[in-house]
Amino acid sequence: MPGQAHDLRETDTLICGLSAGHLLAPSHGLQTNHCRATDRAFDADWLRNDLIERDIIPVIPPKSNRKFPAEFDKETYKWRHLIENYFGKLKENRGIAMRSCKTDQSFKAFIAIAATLIQTR
């Protein structure tokens, strides 16, 4: 997505093959239903409806300017914080944050090494 386009514009393309079977969140003590947690920027009725049609529970906090705020599971949304922290730890490695690897394969390898180091701490 070139330029300053919002991520929501390409979300439909990104999730076109997504189904409830692709999500692993329940194995970490969350609800038995499949959930998809995103931040407020992805608060759109079409996205919520699309996820519901795929048997995925949208866990998206409503934007503050909504006239009729949508409900979401606040407890499940709190788990998203752990994932954000993990990505933050990965990005502490300058090579990952700057994406300085020349090939996709070496980038994946660098992420695997960094993740291994994080797990051994």
PDB file of N, CA and C in Angstrom:
ATOM      1  N   MET A   1       0.838  -1.165   0.000  1.00  0.00           N
ATOM      2  CA  MET A   1       0.000   0.000   0.000  1.00  0.00           C
ATOM      3  C   MET A   1       0.892   1.239   0.000  1.00  0.00           C
ATOM      4  N   PRO A   2       1.026   1.920  -1.100  1.00  0.00           N
ATOM      5  CA  PRO A   2       1.916   3.070  -1.173  1.00  0.00           C
ATOM      6  C   PRO A   2       1.331   4.310  -0.510  1.00  0.00           C
ATOM      7  N   GLY A   3       2.225   5.198  -0.133  1.00  0.00           N
ATOM      8  CA  GLY A   3       1.797   6.498   0.369  1.00  0.00           C
ATOM      9  C   GLY A   3       1.212   6.473   1.767  1.00  0.00           C
ATOM     10  N   GLN A   4       0.322   7.405   2.000  1.00  0.00           N
ATOM     11  CA  GLN A   4      -0.259   7.605   3.316  1.00  0.00           C
ATOM     12  C   GLN A   4      -1.653   6.999   3.441  1.00  0.00           C
ATOM     13  N   ALA A   5      -1.922   5.931   2.745  1.00  0.00           N
ATOM     14  CA  ALA A   5      -3.244   5.302   2.783  1.00  0.00           C
ATOM     15  C   ALA A   5      -3.456   4.612   4.132  1.00  0.00           C
ATOM     16  N   HIS A   6      -4.679   4.638   4.619  1.00  0.00           N
ATOM     17  CA  HIS A   6      -5.022   3.991   5.885  1.00  0.00           C
ATOM     18  C   HIS A   6      -5.055   2.474   5.700  1.00  0.00           C
ATOM     19  N   ASP A   7      -4.628   1.743   6.707  1.00  0.00           N
ATOM     20  CA  ASP A   7      -4.589   0.280   6.635  1.00  0.00           C
ATOM     21  C   ASP A   7      -5.957  -0.340   6.388  1.00  0.00           C
ATOM     22  N   LEU A   8      -7.011   0.304   6.842  1.00  0.00           N
ATOM     23  CA  LEU A   8      -8.359  -0.237   6.694  1.00  0.00           C
ATOM     24  C   LEU A   8      -8.743  -0.415   5.225  1.00  0.00           C
ATOM     25  N   ARG A   9      -8.164   0.378   4.344  1.00  0.00           N
ATOM     26  CA  ARG A   9      -8.487   0.292   2.920  1.00  0.00           C
ATOM     27  C   ARG A   9      -8.112  -1.065   2.329  1.00  0.00           C
ATOM     28  N   GLU A  10      -7.053  -1.689   2.806  1.00  0.00           N
ATOM     29  CA  GLU A  10      -6.595  -2.965   2.268  1.00  0.00           C
ATOM     30  C   GLU A  10      -6.953  -4.155   3.159  1.00  0.00           C
ATOM     31  N   THR A  11      -7.697  -3.917   4.221  1.00  0.00           N
ATOM     32  CA  THR A  11      -8.043  -4.985   5.153  1.00  0.00           C
ATOM     33  C   THR A  11      -8.849  -6.088   4.481  1.00  0.00           C
ATOM     34  N   ASP A  12      -9.766  -5.716   3.612  1.00  0.00           N
ATOM     35  CA  ASP A  12     -10.589  -6.705   2.928  1.00  0.00           C
ATOM     36  C   ASP A  12      -9.724  -7.679   2.133  1.00  0.00           C
ATOM     37  N   THR A  13      -8.725  -7.177   1.433  1.00  0.00           N
ATOM     38  CA  THR A  13      -7.811  -8.024   0.668  1.00  0.00           C
ATOM     39  C   THR A  13      -7.018  -8.935   1.592  1.00  0.00           C
ATOM     40  N   LEU A  14      -6.591  -8.399   2.723  1.00  0.00           N
ATOM     41  CA  LEU A  14      -5.764  -9.149   3.659  1.00  0.00           C
ATOM     42  C   LEU A  14      -6.511 -10.310   4.311  1.00  0.00           C
ATOM     43  N   ILE A  15      -7.781 -10.116   4.648  1.00  0.00           N
ATOM     44  CA  ILE A  15      -8.528 -11.140   5.379  1.00  0.00           C
ATOM     45  C   ILE A  15      -9.437 -11.972   4.486  1.00  0.00           C
ATOM     46  N   CYS A  16      -9.319 -11.839   3.168  1.00  0.00           N
ATOM     47  CA  CYS A  16     -10.260 -12.520   2.270  1.00  0.00           C
ATOM     48  C   CYS A  16     -10.283 -14.038   2.489  1.00  0.00           C
ATOM     49  N   GLY A  17      -9.188 -14.662   2.845  1.00  0.00           N
ATOM     50  CA  GLY A  17      -9.168 -16.105   3.064  1.00  0.00           C
ATOM     51  C   GLY A  17      -9.228 -16.513   4.524  1.00  0.00           C
ATOM     52  N   LEU A  18      -9.447 -15.561   5.411  1.00  0.00           N
ATOM     53  CA  LEU A  18      -9.448 -15.830   6.845  1.00  0.00           C
ATOM     54  C   LEU A  18     -10.741 -16.505   7.280  1.00  0.00           C
ATOM     55  N   SER A  19     -10.600 -17.525   8.100  1.00  0.00           N
ATOM     56  CA  SER A  19     -11.769 -18.168   8.698  1.00  0.00           C
ATOM     57  C   SER A  19     -11.478 -18.408  10.167  1.00  0.00           C
ATOM     58  N   ALA A  20     -12.484 -18.830  10.901  1.00  0.00           N
ATOM     59  CA  ALA A  20     -12.313 -19.060  12.338  1.00  0.00           C
ATOM     60  C   ALA A  20     -11.254 -20.120  12.610  1.00  0.00           C
ATOM     61  N   GLY A  21     -11.045 -21.046  11.699  1.00  0.00           N
ATOM     62  CA  GLY A  21     -10.047 -22.093  11.881  1.00  0.00           C
ATOM     63  C   GLY A  21      -8.620 -21.603  11.843  1.00  0.00           C
ATOM     64  N   HIS A  22      -8.376 -20.375  11.334  1.00  0.00           N
ATOM     65  CA  HIS A  22      -7.031 -19.837  11.242  1.00  0.00           C
ATOM     66  C   HIS A  22      -6.558 -19.159  12.517  1.00  0.00           C
ATOM     67  N   LEU A  23      -7.442 -18.953  13.477  1.00  0.00           N
ATOM     68  CA  LEU A  23      -7.094 -18.188  14.662  1.00  0.00           C
ATOM     69  C   LEU A  23      -6.763 -19.107  15.825  1.00  0.00           C
ATOM     70  N   LEU A  24      -5.728 -18.730  16.601  1.00  0.00           N
ATOM     71  CA  LEU A  24      -5.244 -19.576  17.683  1.00  0.00           C
ATOM     72  C   LEU A  24      -5.490 -18.993  19.066  1.00  0.00           C
ATOM     73  N   ALA A  25      -6.161 -17.860  19.178  1.00  0.00           N
ATOM     74  CA  ALA A  25      -6.310 -17.168  20.453  1.00  0.00           C
ATOM     75  C   ALA A  25      -6.889 -18.024  21.574  1.00  0.00           C
ATOM     76  N   PRO A  26      -7.888 -18.895  21.350  1.00  0.00           N
ATOM     77  CA  PRO A  26      -8.490 -19.620  22.467  1.00  0.00           C
ATOM     78  C   PRO A  26      -7.528 -20.527  23.233  1.00  0.00           C
ATOM     79  N   SER A  27      -6.436 -20.945  22.632  1.00  0.00           N
ATOM     80  CA  SER A  27      -5.522 -21.849  23.320  1.00  0.00           C
ATOM     81  C   SER A  27      -4.778 -21.157  24.458  1.00  0.00           C
ATOM     82  N   HIS A  28      -4.888 -19.853  24.569  1.00  0.00           N
ATOM     83  CA  HIS A  28      -4.195 -19.122  25.615  1.00  0.00           C
ATOM     84  C   HIS A  28      -5.129 -18.669  26.724  1.00  0.00           C
ATOM     85  N   GLY A  29      -6.195 -19.430  26.961  1.00  0.00           N
ATOM     86  CA  GLY A  29      -7.080 -19.134  28.070  1.00  0.00           C
ATOM     87  C   GLY A  29      -8.171 -18.137  27.744  1.00  0.00           C
ATOM     88  N   LEU A  30      -8.314 -17.767  26.483  1.00  0.00           N
ATOM     89  CA  LEU A  30      -9.383 -16.853  26.113  1.00  0.00           C
ATOM     90  C   LEU A  30     -10.668 -17.631  25.933  1.00  0.00           C
ATOM     91  N   GLN A  31     -11.700 -16.975  25.495  1.00  0.00           N
ATOM     92  CA  GLN A  31     -12.979 -17.643  25.288  1.00  0.00           C
ATOM     93  C   GLN A  31     -12.819 -18.771  24.268  1.00  0.00           C
ATOM     94  N   THR A  32     -13.771 -19.704  24.273  1.00  0.00           N
ATOM     95  CA  THR A  32     -13.697 -20.811  23.329  1.00  0.00           C
ATOM     96  C   THR A  32     -14.052 -20.370  21.916  1.00  0.00           C
ATOM     97  N   ASN A  33     -14.667 -19.221  21.755  1.00  0.00           N
ATOM     98  CA  ASN A  33     -14.991 -18.704  20.432  1.00  0.00           C
ATOM     99  C   ASN A  33     -13.737 -18.106  19.803  1.00  0.00           C
ATOM    100  N   HIS A  34     -13.698 -18.058  18.485  1.00  0.00           N
ATOM    101  CA  HIS A  34     -12.575 -17.455  17.793  1.00  0.00           C
ATOM    102  C   HIS A  34     -12.779 -15.949  17.763  1.00  0.00           C
ATOM    103  N   CYS A  35     -11.736 -15.214  18.132  1.00  0.00           N
ATOM    104  CA  CYS A  35     -11.826 -13.769  18.243  1.00  0.00           C
ATOM    105  C   CYS A  35     -10.774 -13.116  17.358  1.00  0.00           C
ATOM    106  N   ARG A  36     -11.028 -11.881  16.985  1.00  0.00           N
ATOM    107  CA  ARG A  36     -10.066 -11.085  16.236  1.00  0.00           C
ATOM    108  C   ARG A  36     -10.011  -9.730  16.912  1.00  0.00           C
ATOM    109  N   ALA A  37      -8.892  -9.441  17.586  1.00  0.00           N
ATOM    110  CA  ALA A  37      -8.731  -8.180  18.299  1.00  0.00           C
ATOM    111  C   ALA A  37      -7.903  -7.210  17.467  1.00  0.00           C
ATOM    112  N   THR A  38      -8.440  -6.029  17.263  1.00  0.00           N
ATOM    113  CA  THR A  38      -7.711  -4.971  16.572  1.00  0.00           C
ATOM    114  C   THR A  38      -7.904  -3.672  17.340  1.00  0.00           C
ATOM    115  N   ASP A  39      -7.199  -2.631  16.919  1.00  0.00           N
ATOM    116  CA  ASP A  39      -7.357  -1.358  17.614  1.00  0.00           C
ATOM    117  C   ASP A  39      -8.490  -0.531  17.013  1.00  0.00           C
ATOM    118  N   ARG A  40      -8.733   0.623  17.605  1.00  0.00           N
ATOM    119  CA  ARG A  40      -9.850   1.482  17.213  1.00  0.00           C
ATOM    120  C   ARG A  40      -9.840   1.880  15.746  1.00  0.00           C
ATOM    121  N   ALA A  41      -8.678   1.951  15.154  1.00  0.00           N
ATOM    122  CA  ALA A  41      -8.580   2.388  13.760  1.00  0.00           C
ATOM    123  C   ALA A  41      -9.372   1.476  12.826  1.00  0.00           C
ATOM    124  N   PHE A  42      -9.603   0.246  13.243  1.00  0.00           N
ATOM    125  CA  PHE A  42     -10.310  -0.722  12.408  1.00  0.00           C
ATOM    126  C   PHE A  42     -11.790  -0.845  12.783  1.00  0.00           C
ATOM    127  N   ASP A  43     -12.309   0.149  13.485  1.00  0.00           N
ATOM    128  CA  ASP A  43     -13.717   0.159  13.865  1.00  0.00           C
ATOM    129  C   ASP A  43     -14.562   0.585  12.665  1.00  0.00           C
ATOM    130  N   ALA A  44     -15.040  -0.408  11.918  1.00  0.00           N
ATOM    131  CA  ALA A  44     -15.905  -0.150  10.762  1.00  0.00           C
ATOM    132  C   ALA A  44     -16.999  -1.214  10.752  1.00  0.00           C
ATOM    133  N   ASP A  45     -18.229  -0.784  10.485  1.00  0.00           N
ATOM    134  CA  ASP A  45     -19.351  -1.724  10.482  1.00  0.00           C
ATOM    135  C   ASP A  45     -19.158  -2.845   9.469  1.00  0.00           C
ATOM    136  N   TRP A  46     -18.624  -2.531   8.283  1.00  0.00           N
ATOM    137  CA  TRP A  46     -18.458  -3.565   7.257  1.00  0.00           C
ATOM    138  C   TRP A  46     -17.465  -4.629   7.716  1.00  0.00           C
ATOM    139  N   LEU A  47     -16.414  -4.212   8.451  1.00  0.00           N
ATOM    140  CA  LEU A  47     -15.430  -5.180   8.940  1.00  0.00           C
ATOM    141  C   LEU A  47     -16.039  -6.046  10.040  1.00  0.00           C
ATOM    142  N   ARG A  48     -16.775  -5.435  10.948  1.00  0.00           N
ATOM    143  CA  ARG A  48     -17.439  -6.206  12.011  1.00  0.00           C
ATOM    144  C   ARG A  48     -18.392  -7.243  11.414  1.00  0.00           C
ATOM    145  N   ASN A  49     -19.201  -6.814  10.449  1.00  0.00           N
ATOM    146  CA  ASN A  49     -20.163  -7.729   9.827  1.00  0.00           C
ATOM    147  C   ASN A  49     -19.458  -8.851   9.074  1.00  0.00           C
ATOM    148  N   ASP A  50     -18.367  -8.524   8.395  1.00  0.00           N
ATOM    149  CA  ASP A  50     -17.614  -9.531   7.651  1.00  0.00           C
ATOM    150  C   ASP A  50     -17.040 -10.585   8.597  1.00  0.00           C
ATOM    151  N   LEU A  51     -16.492 -10.157   9.728  1.00  0.00           N
ATOM    152  CA  LEU A  51     -15.943 -11.103  10.700  1.00  0.00           C
ATOM    153  C   LEU A  51     -17.041 -11.979  11.298  1.00  0.00           C
ATOM    154  N   ILE A  52     -18.184 -11.392  11.599  1.00  0.00           N
ATOM    155  CA  ILE A  52     -19.295 -12.156  12.162  1.00  0.00           C
ATOM    156  C   ILE A  52     -19.772 -13.216  11.179  1.00  0.00           C
ATOM    157  N   GLU A  53     -19.824 -12.876   9.891  1.00  0.00           N
ATOM    158  CA  GLU A  53     -20.215 -13.849   8.865  1.00  0.00           C
ATOM    159  C   GLU A  53     -19.246 -15.027   8.804  1.00  0.00           C
ATOM    160  N   ARG A  54     -18.006 -14.806   9.187  1.00  0.00           N
ATOM    161  CA  ARG A  54     -16.990 -15.871   9.176  1.00  0.00           C
ATOM    162  C   ARG A  54     -16.902 -16.594  10.529  1.00  0.00           C
ATOM    163  N   ASP A  55     -17.858 -16.358  11.402  1.00  0.00           N
ATOM    164  CA  ASP A  55     -17.899 -16.936  12.751  1.00  0.00           C
ATOM    165  C   ASP A  55     -16.704 -16.499  13.597  1.00  0.00           C
ATOM    166  N   ILE A  56     -16.274 -15.268  13.405  1.00  0.00           N
ATOM    167  CA  ILE A  56     -15.196 -14.682  14.191  1.00  0.00           C
ATOM    168  C   ILE A  56     -15.788 -13.521  14.985  1.00  0.00           C
ATOM    169  N   ILE A  57     -15.530 -13.506  16.283  1.00  0.00           N
ATOM    170  CA  ILE A  57     -16.051 -12.443  17.135  1.00  0.00           C
ATOM    171  C   ILE A  57     -15.122 -11.240  17.036  1.00  0.00           C
ATOM    172  N   PRO A  58     -15.621 -10.103  16.542  1.00  0.00           N
ATOM    173  CA  PRO A  58     -14.755  -8.919  16.476  1.00  0.00           C
ATOM    174  C   PRO A  58     -14.566  -8.314  17.865  1.00  0.00           C
ATOM    175  N   VAL A  59     -13.322  -8.135  18.261  1.00  0.00           N
ATOM    176  CA  VAL A  59     -12.999  -7.499  19.535  1.00  0.00           C
ATOM    177  C   VAL A  59     -12.306  -6.186  19.174  1.00  0.00           C
ATOM    178  N   ILE A  60     -13.128  -5.200  18.845  1.00  0.00           N
ATOM    179  CA  ILE A  60     -12.638  -3.905  18.372  1.00  0.00           C
ATOM    180  C   ILE A  60     -13.299  -2.816  19.205  1.00  0.00           C
ATOM    181  N   PRO A  61     -12.525  -2.036  19.956  1.00  0.00           N
ATOM    182  CA  PRO A  61     -13.157  -0.954  20.719  1.00  0.00           C
ATOM    183  C   PRO A  61     -13.698   0.100  19.762  1.00  0.00           C
ATOM    184  N   PRO A  62     -14.840   0.691  20.093  1.00  0.00           N
ATOM    185  CA  PRO A  62     -15.428   1.687  19.193  1.00  0.00           C
ATOM    186  C   PRO A  62     -14.660   3.006  19.225  1.00  0.00           C
ATOM    187  N   LYS A  63     -14.686   3.698  18.105  1.00  0.00           N
ATOM    188  CA  LYS A  63     -14.107   5.041  18.059  1.00  0.00           C
ATOM    189  C   LYS A  63     -14.941   5.962  18.939  1.00  0.00           C
ATOM    190  N   SER A  64     -14.325   7.002  19.426  1.00  0.00           N
ATOM    191  CA  SER A  64     -15.024   7.913  20.340  1.00  0.00           C
ATOM    192  C   SER A  64     -16.102   8.740  19.638  1.00  0.00           C
ATOM    193  N   ASN A  65     -16.049   8.841  18.317  1.00  0.00           N
ATOM    194  CA  ASN A  65     -17.029   9.664  17.619  1.00  0.00           C
ATOM    195  C   ASN A  65     -18.239   8.877  17.118  1.00  0.00           C
ATOM    196  N   ARG A  66     -18.385   7.628  17.509  1.00  0.00           N
ATOM    197  CA  ARG A  66     -19.540   6.830  17.103  1.00  0.00           C
ATOM    198  C   ARG A  66     -20.790   7.289  17.844  1.00  0.00           C
ATOM    199  N   LYS A  67     -21.889   7.432  17.126  1.00  0.00           N
ATOM    200  CA  LYS A  67     -23.148   7.803  17.770  1.00  0.00           C
ATOM    201  C   LYS A  67     -23.693   6.641  18.594  1.00  0.00           C
ATOM    202  N   PHE A  68     -23.554   5.418  18.055  1.00  0.00           N
ATOM    203  CA  PHE A  68     -24.017   4.218  18.746  1.00  0.00           C
ATOM    204  C   PHE A  68     -22.830   3.266  18.882  1.00  0.00           C
ATOM    205  N   PRO A  69     -22.070   3.394  19.982  1.00  0.00           N
ATOM    206  CA  PRO A  69     -20.859   2.580  20.140  1.00  0.00           C
ATOM    207  C   PRO A  69     -21.157   1.082  20.136  1.00  0.00           C
ATOM    208  N   ALA A  70     -20.361   0.350  19.403  1.00  0.00           N
ATOM    209  CA  ALA A  70     -20.486  -1.110  19.368  1.00  0.00           C
ATOM    210  C   ALA A  70     -19.883  -1.690  20.642  1.00  0.00           C
ATOM    211  N   GLU A  71     -20.436  -2.806  21.070  1.00  0.00           N
ATOM    212  CA  GLU A  71     -19.912  -3.456  22.269  1.00  0.00           C
ATOM    213  C   GLU A  71     -18.748  -4.366  21.897  1.00  0.00           C
ATOM    214  N   PHE A  72     -17.846  -4.565  22.851  1.00  0.00           N
ATOM    215  CA  PHE A  72     -16.721  -5.480  22.654  1.00  0.00           C
ATOM    216  C   PHE A  72     -16.310  -6.042  24.001  1.00  0.00           C
ATOM    217  N   ASP A  73     -15.623  -7.177  23.977  1.00  0.00           N
ATOM    218  CA  ASP A  73     -15.201  -7.858  25.196  1.00  0.00           C
ATOM    219  C   ASP A  73     -13.901  -7.223  25.697  1.00  0.00           C
ATOM    220  N   LYS A  74     -14.000  -6.447  26.750  1.00  0.00           N
ATOM    221  CA  LYS A  74     -12.839  -5.721  27.268  1.00  0.00           C
ATOM    222  C   LYS A  74     -11.776  -6.657  27.826  1.00  0.00           C
ATOM    223  N   GLU A  75     -12.182  -7.740  28.435  1.00  0.00           N
ATOM    224  CA  GLU A  75     -11.212  -8.692  29.004  1.00  0.00           C
ATOM    225  C   GLU A  75     -10.382  -9.354  27.899  1.00  0.00           C
ATOM    226  N   THR A  76     -11.027  -9.747  26.823  1.00  0.00           N
ATOM    227  CA  THR A  76     -10.302 -10.353  25.710  1.00  0.00           C
ATOM    228  C   THR A  76      -9.378  -9.330  25.062  1.00  0.00           C
ATOM    229  N   TYR A  77      -9.837  -8.088  24.974  1.00  0.00           N
ATOM    230  CA  TYR A  77      -9.029  -7.042  24.351  1.00  0.00           C
ATOM    231  C   TYR A  77      -7.744  -6.788  25.129  1.00  0.00           C
ATOM    232  N   LYS A  78      -7.767  -6.990  26.429  1.00  0.00           N
ATOM    233  CA  LYS A  78      -6.573  -6.788  27.249  1.00  0.00           C
ATOM    234  C   LYS A  78      -5.441  -7.736  26.850  1.00  0.00           C
ATOM    235  N   TRP A  79      -5.772  -8.916  26.326  1.00  0.00           N
ATOM    236  CA  TRP A  79      -4.746  -9.869  25.901  1.00  0.00           C
ATOM    237  C   TRP A  79      -3.949  -9.346  24.716  1.00  0.00           C
ATOM    238  N   ARG A  80      -4.548  -8.451  23.951  1.00  0.00           N
ATOM    239  CA  ARG A  80      -3.862  -7.874  22.808  1.00  0.00           C
ATOM    240  C   ARG A  80      -2.580  -7.160  23.248  1.00  0.00           C
ATOM    241  N   HIS A  81      -2.585  -6.639  24.452  1.00  0.00           N
ATOM    242  CA  HIS A  81      -1.426  -5.931  25.002  1.00  0.00           C
ATOM    243  C   HIS A  81      -0.185  -6.838  25.020  1.00  0.00           C
ATOM    244  N   LEU A  82      -0.356  -8.098  25.352  1.00  0.00           N
ATOM    245  CA  LEU A  82       0.778  -9.030  25.382  1.00  0.00           C
ATOM    246  C   LEU A  82       1.412  -9.185  24.006  1.00  0.00           C
ATOM    247  N   ILE A  83       0.579  -9.243  22.990  1.00  0.00           N
ATOM    248  CA  ILE A  83       1.091  -9.375  21.628  1.00  0.00           C
ATOM    249  C   ILE A  83       1.835  -8.104  21.225  1.00  0.00           C
ATOM    250  N   GLU A  84       1.274  -6.953  21.563  1.00  0.00           N
ATOM    251  CA  GLU A  84       1.940  -5.686  21.249  1.00  0.00           C
ATOM    252  C   GLU A  84       3.308  -5.613  21.932  1.00  0.00           C
ATOM    253  N   ASN A  85       3.379  -6.059  23.181  1.00  0.00           N
ATOM    254  CA  ASN A  85       4.655  -6.054  23.900  1.00  0.00           C
ATOM    255  C   ASN A  85       5.677  -6.971  23.233  1.00  0.00           C
ATOM    256  N   TYR A  86       5.224  -8.123  22.742  1.00  0.00           N
ATOM    257  CA  TYR A  86       6.135  -9.064  22.096  1.00  0.00           C
ATOM    258  C   TYR A  86       6.715  -8.453  20.819  1.00  0.00           C
ATOM    259  N   PHE A  87       5.871  -7.814  20.025  1.00  0.00           N
ATOM    260  CA  PHE A  87       6.364  -7.142  18.825  1.00  0.00           C
ATOM    261  C   PHE A  87       7.334  -6.023  19.195  1.00  0.00           C
ATOM    262  N   GLY A  88       7.063  -5.338  20.297  1.00  0.00           N
ATOM    263  CA  GLY A  88       7.981  -4.296  20.763  1.00  0.00           C
ATOM    264  C   GLY A  88       9.342  -4.869  21.107  1.00  0.00           C
ATOM    265  N   LYS A  89       9.344  -6.036  21.749  1.00  0.00           N
ATOM    266  CA  LYS A  89      10.615  -6.688  22.079  1.00  0.00           C
ATOM    267  C   LYS A  89      11.360  -7.113  20.817  1.00  0.00           C
ATOM    268  N   LEU A  90      10.610  -7.612  19.834  1.00  0.00           N
ATOM    269  CA  LEU A  90      11.261  -7.980  18.568  1.00  0.00           C
ATOM    270  C   LEU A  90      11.897  -6.763  17.905  1.00  0.00           C
ATOM    271  N   LYS A  91      11.204  -5.634  17.963  1.00  0.00           N
ATOM    272  CA  LYS A  91      11.699  -4.433  17.301  1.00  0.00           C
ATOM    273  C   LYS A  91      12.849  -3.770  18.044  1.00  0.00           C
ATOM    274  N   GLU A  92      13.185  -4.266  19.243  1.00  0.00           N
ATOM    275  CA  GLU A  92      14.374  -3.768  19.929  1.00  0.00           C
ATOM    276  C   GLU A  92      15.625  -4.125  19.131  1.00  0.00           C
ATOM    277  N   ASN A  93      15.535  -5.147  18.314  1.00  0.00           N
ATOM    278  CA  ASN A  93      16.638  -5.529  17.433  1.00  0.00           C
ATOM    279  C   ASN A  93      16.604  -4.597  16.224  1.00  0.00           C
ATOM    280  N   ARG A  94      17.644  -3.837  16.065  1.00  0.00           N
ATOM    281  CA  ARG A  94      17.670  -2.812  15.019  1.00  0.00           C
ATOM    282  C   ARG A  94      17.435  -3.389  13.629  1.00  0.00           C
ATOM    283  N   GLY A  95      17.971  -4.556  13.354  1.00  0.00           N
ATOM    284  CA  GLY A  95      17.818  -5.167  12.035  1.00  0.00           C
ATOM    285  C   GLY A  95      16.371  -5.479  11.695  1.00  0.00           C
ATOM    286  N   ILE A  96      15.583  -5.841  12.710  1.00  0.00           N
ATOM    287  CA  ILE A  96      14.166  -6.124  12.485  1.00  0.00           C
ATOM    288  C   ILE A  96      13.395  -4.811  12.333  1.00  0.00           C
ATOM    289  N   ALA A  97      13.664  -3.864  13.207  1.00  0.00           N
ATOM    290  CA  ALA A  97      12.949  -2.594  13.156  1.00  0.00           C
ATOM    291  C   ALA A  97      13.201  -1.861  11.834  1.00  0.00           C
ATOM    292  N   MET A  98      14.424  -1.937  11.335  1.00  0.00           N
ATOM    293  CA  MET A  98      14.787  -1.240  10.094  1.00  0.00           C
ATOM    294  C   MET A  98      14.567  -2.097   8.849  1.00  0.00           C
ATOM    295  N   ARG A  99      14.271  -3.398   9.064  1.00  0.00           N
ATOM    296  CA  ARG A  99      14.086  -4.347   7.956  1.00  0.00           C
ATOM    297  C   ARG A  99      15.259  -4.311   7.001  1.00  0.00           C
ATOM    298  N   SER A 100      16.439  -4.452   7.581  1.00  0.00           N
ATOM    299  CA  SER A 100      17.661  -4.309   6.796  1.00  0.00           C
ATOM    300  C   SER A 100      18.084  -5.578   6.060  1.00  0.00           C
ATOM    301  N   CYS A 101      17.412  -6.685   6.271  1.00  0.00           N
ATOM    302  CA  CYS A 101      17.751  -7.917   5.565  1.00  0.00           C
ATOM    303  C   CYS A 101      17.419  -7.769   4.082  1.00  0.00           C
ATOM    304  N   LYS A 102      18.248  -8.383   3.253  1.00  0.00           N
ATOM    305  CA  LYS A 102      18.060  -8.232   1.807  1.00  0.00           C
ATOM    306  C   LYS A 102      17.012  -9.178   1.232  1.00  0.00           C
ATOM    307  N   THR A 103      16.789 -10.308   1.871  1.00  0.00           N
ATOM    308  CA  THR A 103      15.815 -11.265   1.350  1.00  0.00           C
ATOM    309  C   THR A 103      14.767 -11.581   2.409  1.00  0.00           C
ATOM    310  N   ASP A 104      13.608 -12.048   1.961  1.00  0.00           N
ATOM    311  CA  ASP A 104      12.554 -12.453   2.893  1.00  0.00           C
ATOM    312  C   ASP A 104      13.021 -13.603   3.775  1.00  0.00           C
ATOM    313  N   GLN A 105      13.777 -14.509   3.188  1.00  0.00           N
ATOM    314  CA  GLN A 105      14.252 -15.685   3.926  1.00  0.00           C
ATOM    315  C   GLN A 105      15.180 -15.272   5.066  1.00  0.00           C
ATOM    316  N   SER A 106      16.089 -14.341   4.823  1.00  0.00           N
ATOM    317  CA  SER A 106      16.990 -13.913   5.896  1.00  0.00           C
ATOM    318  C   SER A 106      16.237 -13.101   6.951  1.00  0.00           C
ATOM    319  N   PHE A 107      15.204 -12.359   6.523  1.00  0.00           N
ATOM    320  CA  PHE A 107      14.387 -11.615   7.489  1.00  0.00           C
ATOM    321  C   PHE A 107      13.647 -12.571   8.411  1.00  0.00           C
ATOM    322  N   LYS A 108      13.060 -13.626   7.839  1.00  0.00           N
ATOM    323  CA  LYS A 108      12.375 -14.635   8.655  1.00  0.00           C
ATOM    324  C   LYS A 108      13.344 -15.306   9.621  1.00  0.00           C
ATOM    325  N   ALA A 109      14.541 -15.589   9.143  1.00  0.00           N
ATOM    326  CA  ALA A 109      15.544 -16.227   9.998  1.00  0.00           C
ATOM    327  C   ALA A 109      15.934 -15.304  11.147  1.00  0.00           C
ATOM    328  N   PHE A 110      16.091 -14.029  10.852  1.00  0.00           N
ATOM    329  CA  PHE A 110      16.447 -13.060  11.887  1.00  0.00           C
ATOM    330  C   PHE A 110      15.346 -12.955  12.931  1.00  0.00           C
ATOM    331  N   ILE A 111      14.097 -12.966  12.507  1.00  0.00           N
ATOM    332  CA  ILE A 111      12.973 -12.937  13.453  1.00  0.00           C
ATOM    333  C   ILE A 111      12.979 -14.202  14.313  1.00  0.00           C
ATOM    334  N   ALA A 112      13.234 -15.356  13.699  1.00  0.00           N
ATOM    335  CA  ALA A 112      13.285 -16.611  14.460  1.00  0.00           C
ATOM    336  C   ALA A 112      14.389 -16.582  15.520  1.00  0.00           C
ATOM    337  N   ILE A 113      15.525 -16.054  15.167  1.00  0.00           N
ATOM    338  CA  ILE A 113      16.632 -15.945  16.141  1.00  0.00           C
ATOM    339  C   ILE A 113      16.256 -14.995  17.257  1.00  0.00           C
ATOM    340  N   ALA A 114      15.711 -13.845  16.923  1.00  0.00           N
ATOM    341  CA  ALA A 114      15.318 -12.868  17.932  1.00  0.00           C
ATOM    342  C   ALA A 114      14.239 -13.436  18.857  1.00  0.00           C
ATOM    343  N   ALA A 115      13.260 -14.156  18.280  1.00  0.00           N
ATOM    344  CA  ALA A 115      12.202 -14.753  19.097  1.00  0.00           C
ATOM    345  C   ALA A 115      12.781 -15.807  20.042  1.00  0.00           C
ATOM    346  N   THR A 116      13.741 -16.557  19.573  1.00  0.00           N
ATOM    347  CA  THR A 116      14.395 -17.565  20.422  1.00  0.00           C
ATOM    348  C   THR A 116      15.111 -16.894  21.587  1.00  0.00           C
ATOM    349  N   LEU A 117      15.813 -15.790  21.303  1.00  0.00           N
ATOM    350  CA  LEU A 117      16.500 -15.055  22.379  1.00  0.00           C
ATOM    351  C   LEU A 117      15.519 -14.494  23.400  1.00  0.00           C
ATOM    352  N   ILE A 118      14.386 -13.999  22.922  1.00  0.00           N
ATOM    353  CA  ILE A 118      13.368 -13.464  23.844  1.00  0.00           C
ATOM    354  C   ILE A 118      12.839 -14.569  24.740  1.00  0.00           C
ATOM    355  N   GLN A 119      12.585 -15.732  24.165  1.00  0.00           N
ATOM    356  CA  GLN A 119      12.039 -16.854  24.939  1.00  0.00           C
ATOM    357  C   GLN A 119      13.034 -17.381  25.965  1.00  0.00           C
ATOM    358  N   THR A 120      14.342 -17.263  25.699  1.00  0.00           N
ATOM    359  CA  THR A 120      15.338 -17.801  26.631  1.00  0.00           C
ATOM    360  C   THR A 120      15.651 -16.839  27.773  1.00  0.00           C
ATOM    361  N   ARG A 121      15.184 -15.613  27.691  1.00  0.00           N
ATOM    362  CA  ARG A 121      15.449 -14.632  28.771  1.00  0.00           C
ATOM    363  C   ARG A 121      14.676 -14.966  30.009  1.00  0.00           C
TER     364      ARG A 121
END
